[in-house]
Amino acid sequence: MIIGMLEREIELLAQLLAEFEALRFPQGWHDREPGGTCLLTLAATLTACTAAALDGPLATRHREHLSQRLALLADLLPVFAADSYATGYFVALYRMASLAEEVDDRRAGETG
């Protein structure tokens, strides 16, 4: 039962990653750094962590990196409120990375 759930979550994660990769980075946000955070780097990091989580369990330091960047993005989400496209983009990134973290946590629970 748990394996079936994990497989479905992995399939959903792959779909979310493909959909996210088709999105364009929000216009006008390339050179903004709210709270000193480079948004391009944040998006690239969370996307890479998601792709890595699809391939298998993350190493401890990568899991911590994903968790820290996800928390940072959660804090930044209100910054995008006035731009509907940016809001959609970063919410999609947040949901995708959150699921990556859940998938990785579930895998860690199965092996630990």
PDB file of N, CA and C in Angstrom:
ATOM      1  N   MET A   1       0.828  -1.199   0.000  1.00  0.00           N
ATOM      2  CA  MET A   1       0.000   0.000   0.000  1.00  0.00           C
ATOM      3  C   MET A   1       0.871   1.261   0.000  1.00  0.00           C
ATOM      4  N   ILE A   2       1.856   1.325   0.908  1.00  0.00           N
ATOM      5  CA  ILE A   2       2.724   2.500   0.974  1.00  0.00           C
ATOM      6  C   ILE A   2       3.549   2.613  -0.303  1.00  0.00           C
ATOM      7  N   ILE A   3       4.017   1.478  -0.830  1.00  0.00           N
ATOM      8  CA  ILE A   3       4.808   1.511  -2.062  1.00  0.00           C
ATOM      9  C   ILE A   3       3.956   2.057  -3.194  1.00  0.00           C
ATOM     10  N   GLY A   4       2.698   1.627  -3.287  1.00  0.00           N
ATOM     11  CA  GLY A   4       1.808   2.138  -4.323  1.00  0.00           C
ATOM     12  C   GLY A   4       1.618   3.639  -4.204  1.00  0.00           C
ATOM     13  N   MET A   5       1.480   4.127  -2.986  1.00  0.00           N
ATOM     14  CA  MET A   5       1.338   5.569  -2.775  1.00  0.00           C
ATOM     15  C   MET A   5       2.612   6.290  -3.201  1.00  0.00           C
ATOM     16  N   LEU A   6       3.748   5.738  -2.851  1.00  0.00           N
ATOM     17  CA  LEU A   6       5.018   6.353  -3.217  1.00  0.00           C
ATOM     18  C   LEU A   6       5.170   6.395  -4.736  1.00  0.00           C
ATOM     19  N   GLU A   7       4.811   5.308  -5.396  1.00  0.00           N
ATOM     20  CA  GLU A   7       4.905   5.278  -6.860  1.00  0.00           C
ATOM     21  C   GLU A   7       4.014   6.340  -7.488  1.00  0.00           C
ATOM     22  N   ARG A   8       2.810   6.515  -6.965  1.00  0.00           N
ATOM     23  CA  ARG A   8       1.898   7.550  -7.483  1.00  0.00           C
ATOM     24  C   ARG A   8       2.474   8.939  -7.234  1.00  0.00           C
ATOM     25  N   GLU A   9       3.045   9.143  -6.053  1.00  0.00           N
ATOM     26  CA  GLU A   9       3.655  10.442  -5.752  1.00  0.00           C
ATOM     27  C   GLU A   9       4.841  10.722  -6.675  1.00  0.00           C
ATOM     28  N   ILE A  10       5.620   9.703  -6.983  1.00  0.00           N
ATOM     29  CA  ILE A  10       6.757   9.872  -7.890  1.00  0.00           C
ATOM     30  C   ILE A  10       6.265  10.216  -9.292  1.00  0.00           C
ATOM     31  N   GLU A  11       5.208   9.551  -9.744  1.00  0.00           N
ATOM     32  CA  GLU A  11       4.626   9.874 -11.054  1.00  0.00           C
ATOM     33  C   GLU A  11       4.119  11.308 -11.078  1.00  0.00           C
ATOM     34  N   LEU A  12       3.435  11.721 -10.014  1.00  0.00           N
ATOM     35  CA  LEU A  12       2.936  13.092  -9.934  1.00  0.00           C
ATOM     36  C   LEU A  12       4.100  14.079  -9.910  1.00  0.00           C
ATOM     37  N   LEU A  13       5.138  13.754  -9.174  1.00  0.00           N
ATOM     38  CA  LEU A  13       6.309  14.628  -9.105  1.00  0.00           C
ATOM     39  C   LEU A  13       6.949  14.787 -10.486  1.00  0.00           C
ATOM     40  N   ALA A  14       7.053  13.703 -11.226  1.00  0.00           N
ATOM     41  CA  ALA A  14       7.611  13.778 -12.582  1.00  0.00           C
ATOM     42  C   ALA A  14       6.745  14.668 -13.472  1.00  0.00           C
ATOM     43  N   GLN A  15       5.434  14.553 -13.324  1.00  0.00           N
ATOM     44  CA  GLN A  15       4.516  15.390 -14.102  1.00  0.00           C
ATOM     45  C   GLN A  15       4.662  16.860 -13.717  1.00  0.00           C
ATOM     46  N   LEU A  16       4.719  17.138 -12.413  1.00  0.00           N
ATOM     47  CA  LEU A  16       4.877  18.522 -11.959  1.00  0.00           C
ATOM     48  C   LEU A  16       6.197  19.119 -12.442  1.00  0.00           C
ATOM     49  N   LEU A  17       7.249  18.320 -12.428  1.00  0.00           N
ATOM     50  CA  LEU A  17       8.547  18.796 -12.906  1.00  0.00           C
ATOM     51  C   LEU A  17       8.476  19.136 -14.395  1.00  0.00           C
ATOM     52  N   ALA A  18       7.869  18.264 -15.186  1.00  0.00           N
ATOM     53  CA  ALA A  18       7.745  18.521 -16.625  1.00  0.00           C
ATOM     54  C   ALA A  18       6.931  19.786 -16.882  1.00  0.00           C
ATOM     55  N   GLU A  19       5.838  19.955 -16.150  1.00  0.00           N
ATOM     56  CA  GLU A  19       5.006  21.147 -16.310  1.00  0.00           C
ATOM     57  C   GLU A  19       5.767  22.402 -15.886  1.00  0.00           C
ATOM     58  N   PHE A  20       6.507  22.307 -14.789  1.00  0.00           N
ATOM     59  CA  PHE A  20       7.246  23.469 -14.309  1.00  0.00           C
ATOM     60  C   PHE A  20       8.343  23.860 -15.292  1.00  0.00           C
ATOM     61  N   GLU A  21       9.037  22.872 -15.827  1.00  0.00           N
ATOM     62  CA  GLU A  21      10.118  23.160 -16.769  1.00  0.00           C
ATOM     63  C   GLU A  21       9.612  23.845 -18.037  1.00  0.00           C
ATOM     64  N   ALA A  22       8.323  23.687 -18.337  1.00  0.00           N
ATOM     65  CA  ALA A  22       7.735  24.340 -19.513  1.00  0.00           C
ATOM     66  C   ALA A  22       7.402  25.812 -19.247  1.00  0.00           C
ATOM     67  N   LEU A  23       7.398  26.206 -17.984  1.00  0.00           N
ATOM     68  CA  LEU A  23       7.091  27.595 -17.636  1.00  0.00           C
ATOM     69  C   LEU A  23       8.304  28.484 -17.882  1.00  0.00           C
ATOM     70  N   ARG A  24       8.022  29.717 -18.208  1.00  0.00           N
ATOM     71  CA  ARG A  24       9.100  30.701 -18.353  1.00  0.00           C
ATOM     72  C   ARG A  24       9.276  31.428 -17.026  1.00  0.00           C
ATOM     73  N   PHE A  25      10.520  31.748 -16.714  1.00  0.00           N
ATOM     74  CA  PHE A  25      10.779  32.513 -15.501  1.00  0.00           C
ATOM     75  C   PHE A  25      10.045  33.848 -15.626  1.00  0.00           C
ATOM     76  N   PRO A  26       9.422  34.324 -14.556  1.00  0.00           N
ATOM     77  CA  PRO A  26       8.612  35.548 -14.630  1.00  0.00           C
ATOM     78  C   PRO A  26       9.397  36.770 -15.112  1.00  0.00           C
ATOM     79  N   GLN A  27       8.824  37.417 -16.101  1.00  0.00           N
ATOM     80  CA  GLN A  27       9.433  38.624 -16.657  1.00  0.00           C
ATOM     81  C   GLN A  27       9.519  39.697 -15.573  1.00  0.00           C
ATOM     82  N   GLY A  28      10.631  40.392 -15.549  1.00  0.00           N
ATOM     83  CA  GLY A  28      10.820  41.473 -14.589  1.00  0.00           C
ATOM     84  C   GLY A  28      11.371  41.031 -13.245  1.00  0.00           C
ATOM     85  N   TRP A  29      11.593  39.732 -13.061  1.00  0.00           N
ATOM     86  CA  TRP A  29      12.084  39.220 -11.781  1.00  0.00           C
ATOM     87  C   TRP A  29      13.515  38.705 -11.869  1.00  0.00           C
ATOM     88  N   HIS A  30      14.111  38.743 -13.039  1.00  0.00           N
ATOM     89  CA  HIS A  30      15.460  38.196 -13.221  1.00  0.00           C
ATOM     90  C   HIS A  30      16.508  38.868 -12.338  1.00  0.00           C
ATOM     91  N   ASP A  31      16.391  40.167 -12.182  1.00  0.00           N
ATOM     92  CA  ASP A  31      17.425  40.885 -11.430  1.00  0.00           C
ATOM     93  C   ASP A  31      16.969  41.323 -10.043  1.00  0.00           C
ATOM     94  N   ARG A  32      15.817  40.858  -9.620  1.00  0.00           N
ATOM     95  CA  ARG A  32      15.348  41.195  -8.269  1.00  0.00           C
ATOM     96  C   ARG A  32      15.876  40.161  -7.282  1.00  0.00           C
ATOM     97  N   GLU A  33      16.213  40.659  -6.103  1.00  0.00           N
ATOM     98  CA  GLU A  33      16.719  39.767  -5.057  1.00  0.00           C
ATOM     99  C   GLU A  33      16.044  40.104  -3.733  1.00  0.00           C
ATOM    100  N   PRO A  34      14.778  39.713  -3.585  1.00  0.00           N
ATOM    101  CA  PRO A  34      14.093  40.013  -2.326  1.00  0.00           C
ATOM    102  C   PRO A  34      14.786  39.326  -1.153  1.00  0.00           C
ATOM    103  N   GLY A  35      15.031  40.090  -0.124  1.00  0.00           N
ATOM    104  CA  GLY A  35      15.719  39.545   1.043  1.00  0.00           C
ATOM    105  C   GLY A  35      17.128  39.072   0.732  1.00  0.00           C
ATOM    106  N   GLY A  36      17.713  39.572  -0.361  1.00  0.00           N
ATOM    107  CA  GLY A  36      19.061  39.162  -0.739  1.00  0.00           C
ATOM    108  C   GLY A  36      19.124  37.808  -1.426  1.00  0.00           C
ATOM    109  N   THR A  37      17.989  37.280  -1.842  1.00  0.00           N
ATOM    110  CA  THR A  37      17.928  35.963  -2.466  1.00  0.00           C
ATOM    111  C   THR A  37      17.823  36.083  -3.979  1.00  0.00           C
ATOM    112  N   CYS A  38      18.740  35.467  -4.693  1.00  0.00           N
ATOM    113  CA  CYS A  38      18.669  35.412  -6.152  1.00  0.00           C
ATOM    114  C   CYS A  38      17.584  34.404  -6.527  1.00  0.00           C
ATOM    115  N   LEU A  39      16.519  34.899  -7.136  1.00  0.00           N
ATOM    116  CA  LEU A  39      15.380  34.045  -7.460  1.00  0.00           C
ATOM    117  C   LEU A  39      15.703  33.024  -8.542  1.00  0.00           C
ATOM    118  N   LEU A  40      16.557  33.394  -9.483  1.00  0.00           N
ATOM    119  CA  LEU A  40      16.968  32.435 -10.516  1.00  0.00           C
ATOM    120  C   LEU A  40      17.699  31.248  -9.894  1.00  0.00           C
ATOM    121  N   THR A  41      18.598  31.540  -8.983  1.00  0.00           N
ATOM    122  CA  THR A  41      19.344  30.478  -8.313  1.00  0.00           C
ATOM    123  C   THR A  41      18.420  29.629  -7.449  1.00  0.00           C
ATOM    124  N   LEU A  42      17.497  30.270  -6.758  1.00  0.00           N
ATOM    125  CA  LEU A  42      16.547  29.538  -5.916  1.00  0.00           C
ATOM    126  C   LEU A  42      15.710  28.585  -6.761  1.00  0.00           C
ATOM    127  N   ALA A  43      15.187  29.079  -7.887  1.00  0.00           N
ATOM    128  CA  ALA A  43      14.374  28.234  -8.767  1.00  0.00           C
ATOM    129  C   ALA A  43      15.204  27.084  -9.336  1.00  0.00           C
ATOM    130  N   ALA A  44      16.418  27.377  -9.759  1.00  0.00           N
ATOM    131  CA  ALA A  44      17.284  26.336 -10.318  1.00  0.00           C
ATOM    132  C   ALA A  44      17.634  25.283  -9.270  1.00  0.00           C
ATOM    133  N   THR A  45      17.906  25.722  -8.063  1.00  0.00           N
ATOM    134  CA  THR A  45      18.262  24.797  -6.985  1.00  0.00           C
ATOM    135  C   THR A  45      17.102  23.873  -6.643  1.00  0.00           C
ATOM    136  N   LEU A  46      15.911  24.439  -6.493  1.00  0.00           N
ATOM    137  CA  LEU A  46      14.751  23.617  -6.142  1.00  0.00           C
ATOM    138  C   LEU A  46      14.368  22.679  -7.283  1.00  0.00           C
ATOM    139  N   THR A  47      14.535  23.123  -8.514  1.00  0.00           N
ATOM    140  CA  THR A  47      14.259  22.256  -9.660  1.00  0.00           C
ATOM    141  C   THR A  47      15.259  21.103  -9.702  1.00  0.00           C
ATOM    142  N   ALA A  48      16.518  21.393  -9.455  1.00  0.00           N
ATOM    143  CA  ALA A  48      17.544  20.347  -9.439  1.00  0.00           C
ATOM    144  C   ALA A  48      17.311  19.357  -8.299  1.00  0.00           C
ATOM    145  N   CYS A  49      16.921  19.848  -7.140  1.00  0.00           N
ATOM    146  CA  CYS A  49      16.619  18.962  -6.011  1.00  0.00           C
ATOM    147  C   CYS A  49      15.440  18.051  -6.347  1.00  0.00           C
ATOM    148  N   THR A  50      14.450  18.603  -7.033  1.00  0.00           N
ATOM    149  CA  THR A  50      13.287  17.812  -7.434  1.00  0.00           C
ATOM    150  C   THR A  50      13.711  16.705  -8.392  1.00  0.00           C
ATOM    151  N   ALA A  51      14.509  17.058  -9.389  1.00  0.00           N
ATOM    152  CA  ALA A  51      14.987  16.057 -10.345  1.00  0.00           C
ATOM    153  C   ALA A  51      15.799  14.974  -9.636  1.00  0.00           C
ATOM    154  N   ALA A  52      16.622  15.369  -8.694  1.00  0.00           N
ATOM    155  CA  ALA A  52      17.426  14.400  -7.945  1.00  0.00           C
ATOM    156  C   ALA A  52      16.544  13.492  -7.095  1.00  0.00           C
ATOM    157  N   ALA A  53      15.488  14.049  -6.519  1.00  0.00           N
ATOM    158  CA  ALA A  53      14.573  13.249  -5.699  1.00  0.00           C
ATOM    159  C   ALA A  53      13.844  12.210  -6.546  1.00  0.00           C
ATOM    160  N   LEU A  54      13.645  12.498  -7.820  1.00  0.00           N
ATOM    161  CA  LEU A  54      13.029  11.511  -8.710  1.00  0.00           C
ATOM    162  C   LEU A  54      13.946  10.311  -8.924  1.00  0.00           C
ATOM    163  N   ASP A  55      15.244  10.549  -8.888  1.00  0.00           N
ATOM    164  CA  ASP A  55      16.219   9.490  -9.150  1.00  0.00           C
ATOM    165  C   ASP A  55      16.467   8.581  -7.956  1.00  0.00           C
ATOM    166  N   GLY A  56      16.094   9.019  -6.774  1.00  0.00           N
ATOM    167  CA  GLY A  56      16.311   8.199  -5.598  1.00  0.00           C
ATOM    168  C   GLY A  56      16.488   9.058  -4.370  1.00  0.00           C
ATOM    169  N   PRO A  57      16.772   8.431  -3.252  1.00  0.00           N
ATOM    170  CA  PRO A  57      16.911   9.189  -2.003  1.00  0.00           C
ATOM    171  C   PRO A  57      18.024  10.226  -2.093  1.00  0.00           C
ATOM    172  N   LEU A  58      17.772  11.366  -1.490  1.00  0.00           N
ATOM    173  CA  LEU A  58      18.774  12.426  -1.435  1.00  0.00           C
ATOM    174  C   LEU A  58      19.756  12.151  -0.300  1.00  0.00           C
ATOM    175  N   ALA A  59      20.982  12.564  -0.500  1.00  0.00           N
ATOM    176  CA  ALA A  59      21.962  12.517   0.581  1.00  0.00           C
ATOM    177  C   ALA A  59      21.518  13.500   1.660  1.00  0.00           C
ATOM    178  N   THR A  60      21.967  13.295   2.870  1.00  0.00           N
ATOM    179  CA  THR A  60      21.550  14.129   3.996  1.00  0.00           C
ATOM    180  C   THR A  60      21.759  15.608   3.721  1.00  0.00           C
ATOM    181  N   ARG A  61      22.903  15.979   3.210  1.00  0.00           N
ATOM    182  CA  ARG A  61      23.158  17.410   2.976  1.00  0.00           C
ATOM    183  C   ARG A  61      22.252  17.971   1.891  1.00  0.00           C
ATOM    184  N   HIS A  62      21.907  17.153   0.885  1.00  0.00           N
ATOM    185  CA  HIS A  62      20.993  17.620  -0.160  1.00  0.00           C
ATOM    186  C   HIS A  62      19.566  17.738   0.376  1.00  0.00           C
ATOM    187  N   ARG A  63      19.194  16.820   1.248  1.00  0.00           N
ATOM    188  CA  ARG A  63      17.873  16.879   1.875  1.00  0.00           C
ATOM    189  C   ARG A  63      17.756  18.152   2.713  1.00  0.00           C
ATOM    190  N   GLU A  64      18.804  18.471   3.458  1.00  0.00           N
ATOM    191  CA  GLU A  64      18.807  19.697   4.267  1.00  0.00           C
ATOM    192  C   GLU A  64      18.759  20.936   3.376  1.00  0.00           C
ATOM    193  N   HIS A  65      19.486  20.892   2.281  1.00  0.00           N
ATOM    194  CA  HIS A  65      19.498  22.016   1.336  1.00  0.00           C
ATOM    195  C   HIS A  65      18.091  22.237   0.768  1.00  0.00           C
ATOM    196  N   LEU A  66      17.433  21.160   0.370  1.00  0.00           N
ATOM    197  CA  LEU A  66      16.062  21.246  -0.148  1.00  0.00           C
ATOM    198  C   LEU A  66      15.138  21.846   0.898  1.00  0.00           C
ATOM    199  N   SER A  67      15.220  21.364   2.108  1.00  0.00           N
ATOM    200  CA  SER A  67      14.355  21.848   3.185  1.00  0.00           C
ATOM    201  C   SER A  67      14.579  23.330   3.467  1.00  0.00           C
ATOM    202  N   GLN A  68      15.831  23.741   3.517  1.00  0.00           N
ATOM    203  CA  GLN A  68      16.147  25.153   3.785  1.00  0.00           C
ATOM    204  C   GLN A  68      15.661  26.062   2.664  1.00  0.00           C
ATOM    205  N   ARG A  69      15.872  25.656   1.418  1.00  0.00           N
ATOM    206  CA  ARG A  69      15.454  26.486   0.280  1.00  0.00           C
ATOM    207  C   ARG A  69      13.934  26.530   0.164  1.00  0.00           C
ATOM    208  N   LEU A  70      13.284  25.441   0.511  1.00  0.00           N
ATOM    209  CA  LEU A  70      11.822  25.403   0.492  1.00  0.00           C
ATOM    210  C   LEU A  70      11.251  26.357   1.538  1.00  0.00           C
ATOM    211  N   ALA A  71      11.845  26.379   2.720  1.00  0.00           N
ATOM    212  CA  ALA A  71      11.411  27.309   3.772  1.00  0.00           C
ATOM    213  C   ALA A  71      11.652  28.753   3.344  1.00  0.00           C
ATOM    214  N   LEU A  72      12.764  29.000   2.685  1.00  0.00           N
ATOM    215  CA  LEU A  72      13.062  30.339   2.182  1.00  0.00           C
ATOM    216  C   LEU A  72      12.019  30.775   1.162  1.00  0.00           C
ATOM    217  N   LEU A  73      11.672  29.886   0.240  1.00  0.00           N
ATOM    218  CA  LEU A  73      10.657  30.219  -0.759  1.00  0.00           C
ATOM    219  C   LEU A  73       9.313  30.484  -0.093  1.00  0.00           C
ATOM    220  N   ALA A  74       8.954  29.704   0.904  1.00  0.00           N
ATOM    221  CA  ALA A  74       7.691  29.929   1.621  1.00  0.00           C
ATOM    222  C   ALA A  74       7.645  31.335   2.203  1.00  0.00           C
ATOM    223  N   ASP A  75       8.755  31.778   2.753  1.00  0.00           N
ATOM    224  CA  ASP A  75       8.823  33.134   3.315  1.00  0.00           C
ATOM    225  C   ASP A  75       8.720  34.209   2.235  1.00  0.00           C
ATOM    226  N   LEU A  76       9.191  33.897   1.028  1.00  0.00           N
ATOM    227  CA  LEU A  76       9.205  34.880  -0.057  1.00  0.00           C
ATOM    228  C   LEU A  76       7.896  34.954  -0.838  1.00  0.00           C
ATOM    229  N   LEU A  77       7.038  33.958  -0.748  1.00  0.00           N
ATOM    230  CA  LEU A  77       5.826  33.924  -1.571  1.00  0.00           C
ATOM    231  C   LEU A  77       4.996  35.209  -1.518  1.00  0.00           C
ATOM    232  N   PRO A  78       4.825  35.849  -0.358  1.00  0.00           N
ATOM    233  CA  PRO A  78       4.035  37.094  -0.345  1.00  0.00           C
ATOM    234  C   PRO A  78       4.617  38.212  -1.213  1.00  0.00           C
ATOM    235  N   VAL A  79       5.908  38.162  -1.500  1.00  0.00           N
ATOM    236  CA  VAL A  79       6.562  39.190  -2.315  1.00  0.00           C
ATOM    237  C   VAL A  79       5.961  39.245  -3.723  1.00  0.00           C
ATOM    238  N   PHE A  80       5.432  38.127  -4.199  1.00  0.00           N
ATOM    239  CA  PHE A  80       4.947  38.030  -5.573  1.00  0.00           C
ATOM    240  C   PHE A  80       3.465  38.373  -5.725  1.00  0.00           C
ATOM    241  N   ALA A  81       2.812  38.758  -4.659  1.00  0.00           N
ATOM    242  CA  ALA A  81       1.357  38.935  -4.649  1.00  0.00           C
ATOM    243  C   ALA A  81       0.828  39.871  -5.730  1.00  0.00           C
ATOM    244  N   ALA A  82       1.562  40.902  -6.085  1.00  0.00           N
ATOM    245  CA  ALA A  82       1.072  41.878  -7.067  1.00  0.00           C
ATOM    246  C   ALA A  82       1.252  41.408  -8.513  1.00  0.00           C
ATOM    247  N   ASP A  83       1.934  40.295  -8.721  1.00  0.00           N
ATOM    248  CA  ASP A  83       2.204  39.790 -10.068  1.00  0.00           C
ATOM    249  C   ASP A  83       1.621  38.378 -10.170  1.00  0.00           C
ATOM    250  N   SER A  84       0.503  38.245 -10.875  1.00  0.00           N
ATOM    251  CA  SER A  84      -0.190  36.955 -10.912  1.00  0.00           C
ATOM    252  C   SER A  84       0.645  35.856 -11.572  1.00  0.00           C
ATOM    253  N   TYR A  85       1.399  36.192 -12.617  1.00  0.00           N
ATOM    254  CA  TYR A  85       2.220  35.161 -13.252  1.00  0.00           C
ATOM    255  C   TYR A  85       3.337  34.712 -12.309  1.00  0.00           C
ATOM    256  N   ALA A  86       4.012  35.672 -11.686  1.00  0.00           N
ATOM    257  CA  ALA A  86       5.085  35.325 -10.747  1.00  0.00           C
ATOM    258  C   ALA A  86       4.528  34.506  -9.587  1.00  0.00           C
ATOM    259  N   THR A  87       3.348  34.878  -9.109  1.00  0.00           N
ATOM    260  CA  THR A  87       2.719  34.110  -8.033  1.00  0.00           C
ATOM    261  C   THR A  87       2.506  32.671  -8.472  1.00  0.00           C
ATOM    262  N   GLY A  88       1.917  32.481  -9.652  1.00  0.00           N
ATOM    263  CA  GLY A  88       1.674  31.130 -10.155  1.00  0.00           C
ATOM    264  C   GLY A  88       2.957  30.336 -10.337  1.00  0.00           C
ATOM    265  N   TYR A  89       3.980  30.998 -10.850  1.00  0.00           N
ATOM    266  CA  TYR A  89       5.265  30.346 -11.087  1.00  0.00           C
ATOM    267  C   TYR A  89       5.886  29.873  -9.774  1.00  0.00           C
ATOM    268  N   PHE A  90       5.958  30.767  -8.805  1.00  0.00           N
ATOM    269  CA  PHE A  90       6.628  30.408  -7.554  1.00  0.00           C
ATOM    270  C   PHE A  90       5.774  29.492  -6.674  1.00  0.00           C
ATOM    271  N   VAL A  91       4.456  29.571  -6.782  1.00  0.00           N
ATOM    272  CA  VAL A  91       3.602  28.611  -6.078  1.00  0.00           C
ATOM    273  C   VAL A  91       3.779  27.223  -6.700  1.00  0.00           C
ATOM    274  N   ALA A  92       3.850  27.150  -8.029  1.00  0.00           N
ATOM    275  CA  ALA A  92       4.093  25.864  -8.694  1.00  0.00           C
ATOM    276  C   ALA A  92       5.445  25.285  -8.267  1.00  0.00           C
ATOM    277  N   LEU A  93       6.452  26.140  -8.183  1.00  0.00           N
ATOM    278  CA  LEU A  93       7.772  25.712  -7.720  1.00  0.00           C
ATOM    279  C   LEU A  93       7.694  25.199  -6.287  1.00  0.00           C
ATOM    280  N   TYR A  94       6.980  25.917  -5.442  1.00  0.00           N
ATOM    281  CA  TYR A  94       6.844  25.519  -4.039  1.00  0.00           C
ATOM    282  C   TYR A  94       6.137  24.164  -3.916  1.00  0.00           C
ATOM    283  N   ARG A  95       5.034  24.005  -4.634  1.00  0.00           N
ATOM    284  CA  ARG A  95       4.287  22.736  -4.563  1.00  0.00           C
ATOM    285  C   ARG A  95       5.136  21.568  -5.050  1.00  0.00           C
ATOM    286  N   MET A  96       5.841  21.791  -6.151  1.00  0.00           N
ATOM    287  CA  MET A  96       6.689  20.743  -6.713  1.00  0.00           C
ATOM    288  C   MET A  96       7.800  20.360  -5.729  1.00  0.00           C
ATOM    289  N   ALA A  97       8.483  21.343  -5.192  1.00  0.00           N
ATOM    290  CA  ALA A  97       9.583  21.070  -4.265  1.00  0.00           C
ATOM    291  C   ALA A  97       9.069  20.462  -2.958  1.00  0.00           C
ATOM    292  N   SER A  98       7.881  20.867  -2.534  1.00  0.00           N
ATOM    293  CA  SER A  98       7.277  20.274  -1.328  1.00  0.00           C
ATOM    294  C   SER A  98       7.013  18.793  -1.535  1.00  0.00           C
ATOM    295  N   LEU A  99       6.491  18.453  -2.710  1.00  0.00           N
ATOM    296  CA  LEU A  99       6.251  17.043  -3.005  1.00  0.00           C
ATOM    297  C   LEU A  99       7.573  16.282  -3.096  1.00  0.00           C
ATOM    298  N   ALA A 100       8.597  16.904  -3.648  1.00  0.00           N
ATOM    299  CA  ALA A 100       9.917  16.260  -3.697  1.00  0.00           C
ATOM    300  C   ALA A 100      10.402  15.943  -2.283  1.00  0.00           C
ATOM    301  N   GLU A 101      10.191  16.882  -1.378  1.00  0.00           N
ATOM    302  CA  GLU A 101      10.592  16.658   0.012  1.00  0.00           C
ATOM    303  C   GLU A 101       9.775  15.523   0.631  1.00  0.00           C
ATOM    304  N   GLU A 102       8.478  15.484   0.352  1.00  0.00           N
ATOM    305  CA  GLU A 102       7.627  14.407   0.877  1.00  0.00           C
ATOM    306  C   GLU A 102       8.059  13.048   0.332  1.00  0.00           C
ATOM    307  N   VAL A 103       8.331  12.990  -0.973  1.00  0.00           N
ATOM    308  CA  VAL A 103       8.783  11.739  -1.588  1.00  0.00           C
ATOM    309  C   VAL A 103      10.093  11.291  -0.942  1.00  0.00           C
ATOM    310  N   ASP A 104      11.002  12.214  -0.764  1.00  0.00           N
ATOM    311  CA  ASP A 104      12.283  11.865  -0.164  1.00  0.00           C
ATOM    312  C   ASP A 104      12.110  11.423   1.288  1.00  0.00           C
ATOM    313  N   ASP A 105      11.251  12.103   2.030  1.00  0.00           N
ATOM    314  CA  ASP A 105      10.983  11.705   3.418  1.00  0.00           C
ATOM    315  C   ASP A 105      10.381  10.302   3.474  1.00  0.00           C
ATOM    316  N   ARG A 106       9.469  10.020   2.559  1.00  0.00           N
ATOM    317  CA  ARG A 106       8.833   8.698   2.542  1.00  0.00           C
ATOM    318  C   ARG A 106       9.866   7.619   2.216  1.00  0.00           C
ATOM    319  N   ARG A 107      10.725   7.900   1.259  1.00  0.00           N
ATOM    320  CA  ARG A 107      11.782   6.933   0.933  1.00  0.00           C
ATOM    321  C   ARG A 107      12.698   6.706   2.134  1.00  0.00           C
ATOM    322  N   ALA A 108      13.055   7.785   2.819  1.00  0.00           N
ATOM    323  CA  ALA A 108      13.927   7.666   3.993  1.00  0.00           C
ATOM    324  C   ALA A 108      13.250   6.831   5.070  1.00  0.00           C
ATOM    325  N   GLY A 109      11.935   6.980   5.212  1.00  0.00           N
ATOM    326  CA  GLY A 109      11.184   6.202   6.190  1.00  0.00           C
ATOM    327  C   GLY A 109      11.156   4.725   5.856  1.00  0.00           C
ATOM    328  N   GLU A 110      11.152   4.410   4.571  1.00  0.00           N
ATOM    329  CA  GLU A 110      11.136   3.013   4.143  1.00  0.00           C
ATOM    330  C   GLU A 110      12.479   2.335   4.374  1.00  0.00           C
ATOM    331  N   THR A 111      13.556   3.120   4.228  1.00  0.00           N
ATOM    332  CA  THR A 111      14.888   2.523   4.370  1.00  0.00           C
ATOM    333  C   THR A 111      15.440   2.656   5.781  1.00  0.00           C
ATOM    334  N   GLY A 112      14.823   3.553   6.581  1.00  0.00           N
ATOM    335  CA  GLY A 112      15.371   3.811   7.914  1.00  0.00           C
ATOM    336  C   GLY A 112      14.619   3.138   8.926  1.00  0.00           C
TER     337      GLY A 112
END
